[in-house]
Structures are given as structure tokens and as C-alpha cells.
């Protein structure tokens, strides 16, 4: 019984890890509908240019991403 429970928990843990790993890059809070789960902003949304201030809609060029290729 203990081994069966452990096997099921490991399967659920691996699926949860796969889902979170994808959300790191492609998470989009626009998809937060209902009470299921809430996605956070993934790197695709955070690493961008053209950020604006949410209060007065002024441009914030200092927040633009600066990516270097090594």
C-alpha cells in the first residue's frame, strides 16, 4: 500500500513540476479565469520593451530589458 501511494504521489509531483516549468517561460495572467489556479507572468512577458507606468501611463524606458548574448 505504501509503495502504491508513493508511486501515485511521485506521478502527481512530476506532472506539477512540468506544469510549473512551462509557466516559468509562458505564464500569462490573462488566462486566470475562475477559481482554479492563477498563472504568474512568465519570462516572455517580463523580458520585453515598452513598459509603461500603470498609474499615469508614462513610458518607462529604464525598465526595458537589456539582453546580452554571451
N, C-alpha and C. Protein backbone atom coordinates (compact mmCIF):
# COMPACT_ATOMS: atom_id res chain seq x y z
N UNK A 1 0.82 -1.19 0.00
CA UNK A 1 0.00 0.00 0.00
C UNK A 1 0.87 1.26 0.00
N UNK A 2 1.90 1.28 0.84
CA UNK A 2 2.77 2.45 0.93
C UNK A 2 3.48 2.72 -0.39
N UNK A 3 3.91 1.67 -1.04
CA UNK A 3 4.60 1.85 -2.33
C UNK A 3 3.66 2.36 -3.41
N UNK A 4 2.44 1.91 -3.39
CA UNK A 4 1.46 2.40 -4.37
C UNK A 4 1.16 3.88 -4.15
N UNK A 5 0.99 4.29 -2.91
CA UNK A 5 0.76 5.70 -2.60
C UNK A 5 1.96 6.53 -3.02
N UNK A 6 3.16 6.05 -2.72
CA UNK A 6 4.38 6.76 -3.11
C UNK A 6 4.46 6.91 -4.63
N UNK A 7 4.14 5.85 -5.36
CA UNK A 7 4.18 5.91 -6.82
C UNK A 7 3.19 6.94 -7.35
N UNK A 8 2.01 7.00 -6.78
CA UNK A 8 1.00 7.98 -7.22
C UNK A 8 1.43 9.41 -6.90
N UNK A 9 2.01 9.61 -5.72
CA UNK A 9 2.47 10.94 -5.34
C UNK A 9 3.63 11.41 -6.23
N UNK A 10 4.51 10.51 -6.59
CA UNK A 10 5.61 10.88 -7.48
C UNK A 10 5.09 11.25 -8.87
N UNK A 11 4.07 10.56 -9.33
CA UNK A 11 3.47 10.88 -10.63
C UNK A 11 2.82 12.26 -10.60
N UNK A 12 2.09 12.56 -9.55
CA UNK A 12 1.46 13.88 -9.42
C UNK A 12 2.52 14.96 -9.29
N UNK A 13 3.58 14.70 -8.53
CA UNK A 13 4.65 15.67 -8.36
C UNK A 13 5.37 15.97 -9.67
N UNK A 14 5.60 14.95 -10.48
CA UNK A 14 6.25 15.16 -11.78
C UNK A 14 5.37 15.97 -12.71
N UNK A 15 4.07 15.71 -12.72
CA UNK A 15 3.15 16.48 -13.56
C UNK A 15 3.08 17.94 -13.10
N UNK A 16 3.09 18.16 -11.79
CA UNK A 16 3.06 19.51 -11.25
C UNK A 16 4.34 20.26 -11.62
N UNK A 17 5.47 19.58 -11.54
CA UNK A 17 6.74 20.19 -11.91
C UNK A 17 6.78 20.56 -13.39
N UNK A 18 6.26 19.72 -14.24
CA UNK A 18 6.20 20.02 -15.68
C UNK A 18 5.33 21.25 -15.96
N UNK A 19 4.20 21.34 -15.29
CA UNK A 19 3.31 22.49 -15.48
C UNK A 19 3.98 23.78 -15.02
N UNK A 20 4.63 23.76 -13.88
CA UNK A 20 5.30 24.95 -13.38
C UNK A 20 6.49 25.34 -14.26
N UNK A 21 7.20 24.36 -14.78
CA UNK A 21 8.35 24.66 -15.64
C UNK A 21 7.90 25.38 -16.91
N UNK A 22 6.77 24.98 -17.48
CA UNK A 22 6.25 25.67 -18.66
C UNK A 22 5.79 27.07 -18.32
N UNK A 23 5.17 27.25 -17.13
CA UNK A 23 4.68 28.57 -16.75
C UNK A 23 5.80 29.56 -16.49
N UNK A 24 6.99 29.08 -16.17
CA UNK A 24 8.11 29.99 -15.96
C UNK A 24 8.36 30.81 -17.22
N UNK A 25 8.24 30.20 -18.37
CA UNK A 25 8.51 30.89 -19.63
C UNK A 25 7.26 31.49 -20.26
N UNK A 26 6.13 30.79 -20.20
CA UNK A 26 4.96 31.22 -20.95
C UNK A 26 3.77 31.60 -20.08
N UNK A 27 3.96 31.80 -18.78
CA UNK A 27 2.85 32.15 -17.90
C UNK A 27 2.19 33.46 -18.31
N UNK A 28 0.86 33.49 -18.30
CA UNK A 28 0.13 34.67 -18.71
C UNK A 28 -1.06 34.84 -17.78
N UNK A 29 -1.07 35.90 -16.96
CA UNK A 29 -2.19 36.08 -16.03
C UNK A 29 -3.53 36.38 -16.69
N UNK A 30 -3.55 36.64 -17.98
CA UNK A 30 -4.81 36.86 -18.68
C UNK A 30 -5.66 35.58 -18.65
N UNK A 31 -5.01 34.43 -18.56
CA UNK A 31 -5.71 33.15 -18.55
C UNK A 31 -6.32 32.82 -17.19
N UNK A 32 -6.20 33.71 -16.20
CA UNK A 32 -6.75 33.46 -14.87
C UNK A 32 -8.26 33.65 -14.88
N UNK A 33 -8.97 32.56 -15.10
CA UNK A 33 -10.43 32.60 -15.15
C UNK A 33 -10.95 31.62 -14.10
N UNK A 34 -11.88 32.06 -13.31
CA UNK A 34 -12.45 31.18 -12.31
C UNK A 34 -11.57 31.06 -11.08
N UNK A 35 -11.74 29.97 -10.35
CA UNK A 35 -11.01 29.77 -9.10
C UNK A 35 -10.04 28.61 -9.16
N UNK A 36 -9.69 28.15 -10.35
CA UNK A 36 -8.79 27.01 -10.48
C UNK A 36 -7.40 27.31 -9.96
N UNK A 37 -6.61 28.02 -10.74
CA UNK A 37 -5.28 28.42 -10.32
C UNK A 37 -4.95 29.74 -11.01
N UNK A 38 -3.98 30.44 -10.50
CA UNK A 38 -3.60 31.74 -11.05
C UNK A 38 -2.20 31.66 -11.61
N UNK A 39 -2.06 31.90 -12.90
CA UNK A 39 -0.74 31.91 -13.51
C UNK A 39 -0.04 33.22 -13.19
N UNK A 40 1.25 33.17 -13.06
CA UNK A 40 2.04 34.37 -12.87
C UNK A 40 2.64 34.80 -14.20
N UNK A 41 3.22 35.98 -14.25
CA UNK A 41 3.81 36.45 -15.50
C UNK A 41 5.08 35.68 -15.79
N UNK A 42 5.11 35.04 -16.95
CA UNK A 42 6.29 34.29 -17.35
C UNK A 42 7.35 35.21 -17.94
N UNK A 43 8.49 34.63 -18.24
CA UNK A 43 9.61 35.41 -18.76
C UNK A 43 9.30 36.04 -20.12
N UNK A 44 8.43 35.43 -20.91
CA UNK A 44 8.08 36.02 -22.21
C UNK A 44 7.41 37.38 -22.04
N UNK A 45 6.67 37.57 -20.97
CA UNK A 45 6.02 38.86 -20.71
C UNK A 45 6.95 39.83 -20.00
N UNK A 46 7.80 39.31 -19.13
CA UNK A 46 8.66 40.19 -18.34
C UNK A 46 9.85 40.71 -19.15
N UNK A 47 10.39 39.88 -20.03
CA UNK A 47 11.53 40.30 -20.85
C UNK A 47 10.97 40.94 -22.11
N UNK A 48 10.79 42.26 -22.05
CA UNK A 48 10.17 42.98 -23.15
C UNK A 48 10.60 44.44 -23.10
N UNK A 49 10.22 45.17 -24.11
CA UNK A 49 10.44 46.61 -24.14
C UNK A 49 9.09 47.31 -24.18
N UNK A 50 9.10 48.59 -23.88
CA UNK A 50 7.87 49.36 -23.95
C UNK A 50 7.02 49.30 -22.70
N UNK A 51 7.64 49.09 -21.53
CA UNK A 51 6.88 49.08 -20.28
C UNK A 51 6.36 50.49 -19.97
N UNK A 52 5.16 50.56 -19.43
CA UNK A 52 4.58 51.85 -19.06
C UNK A 52 4.14 51.81 -17.61
N UNK A 53 4.06 52.99 -17.01
CA UNK A 53 3.60 53.13 -15.63
C UNK A 53 2.09 52.88 -15.61
N UNK A 54 1.65 52.07 -14.68
CA UNK A 54 0.24 51.71 -14.63
C UNK A 54 -0.64 52.85 -14.12
N UNK A 55 -0.06 53.77 -13.34
CA UNK A 55 -0.87 54.85 -12.77
C UNK A 55 -1.12 56.00 -13.73
N UNK A 56 -0.07 56.46 -14.42
CA UNK A 56 -0.26 57.62 -15.30
C UNK A 56 0.13 57.34 -16.76
N UNK A 57 0.37 56.11 -17.11
CA UNK A 57 0.63 55.66 -18.49
C UNK A 57 1.83 56.35 -19.13
N UNK A 58 2.81 56.75 -18.32
CA UNK A 58 4.03 57.31 -18.90
C UNK A 58 5.00 56.19 -19.25
N UNK A 59 5.81 56.41 -20.25
CA UNK A 59 6.77 55.42 -20.69
C UNK A 59 7.89 55.27 -19.66
N UNK A 60 8.35 54.05 -19.46
CA UNK A 60 9.43 53.76 -18.50
C UNK A 60 10.57 53.05 -19.23
N UNK A 61 11.38 53.77 -19.99
CA UNK A 61 12.44 53.12 -20.75
C UNK A 61 13.50 52.45 -19.87
N UNK A 62 13.62 52.87 -18.61
CA UNK A 62 14.60 52.25 -17.73
C UNK A 62 14.20 50.81 -17.35
N UNK A 63 12.96 50.45 -17.56
CA UNK A 63 12.51 49.08 -17.26
C UNK A 63 12.64 48.14 -18.45
N UNK A 64 13.03 48.66 -19.61
CA UNK A 64 13.19 47.79 -20.79
C UNK A 64 14.29 46.79 -20.55
N UNK A 65 14.12 45.60 -21.07
CA UNK A 65 15.09 44.53 -20.88
C UNK A 65 16.35 44.80 -21.68
N UNK A 66 17.47 44.43 -21.11
CA UNK A 66 18.77 44.57 -21.77
C UNK A 66 19.40 43.19 -21.80
N UNK A 67 19.24 42.50 -22.92
CA UNK A 67 19.69 41.12 -23.04
C UNK A 67 20.99 41.08 -23.81
N UNK A 68 21.97 40.41 -23.24
CA UNK A 68 23.27 40.24 -23.87
C UNK A 68 23.44 38.78 -24.30
N UNK A 69 24.04 38.56 -25.43
CA UNK A 69 24.31 37.22 -25.88
C UNK A 69 25.77 36.90 -25.57
N UNK A 70 25.99 35.88 -24.76
CA UNK A 70 27.34 35.53 -24.36
C UNK A 70 27.86 34.38 -25.20
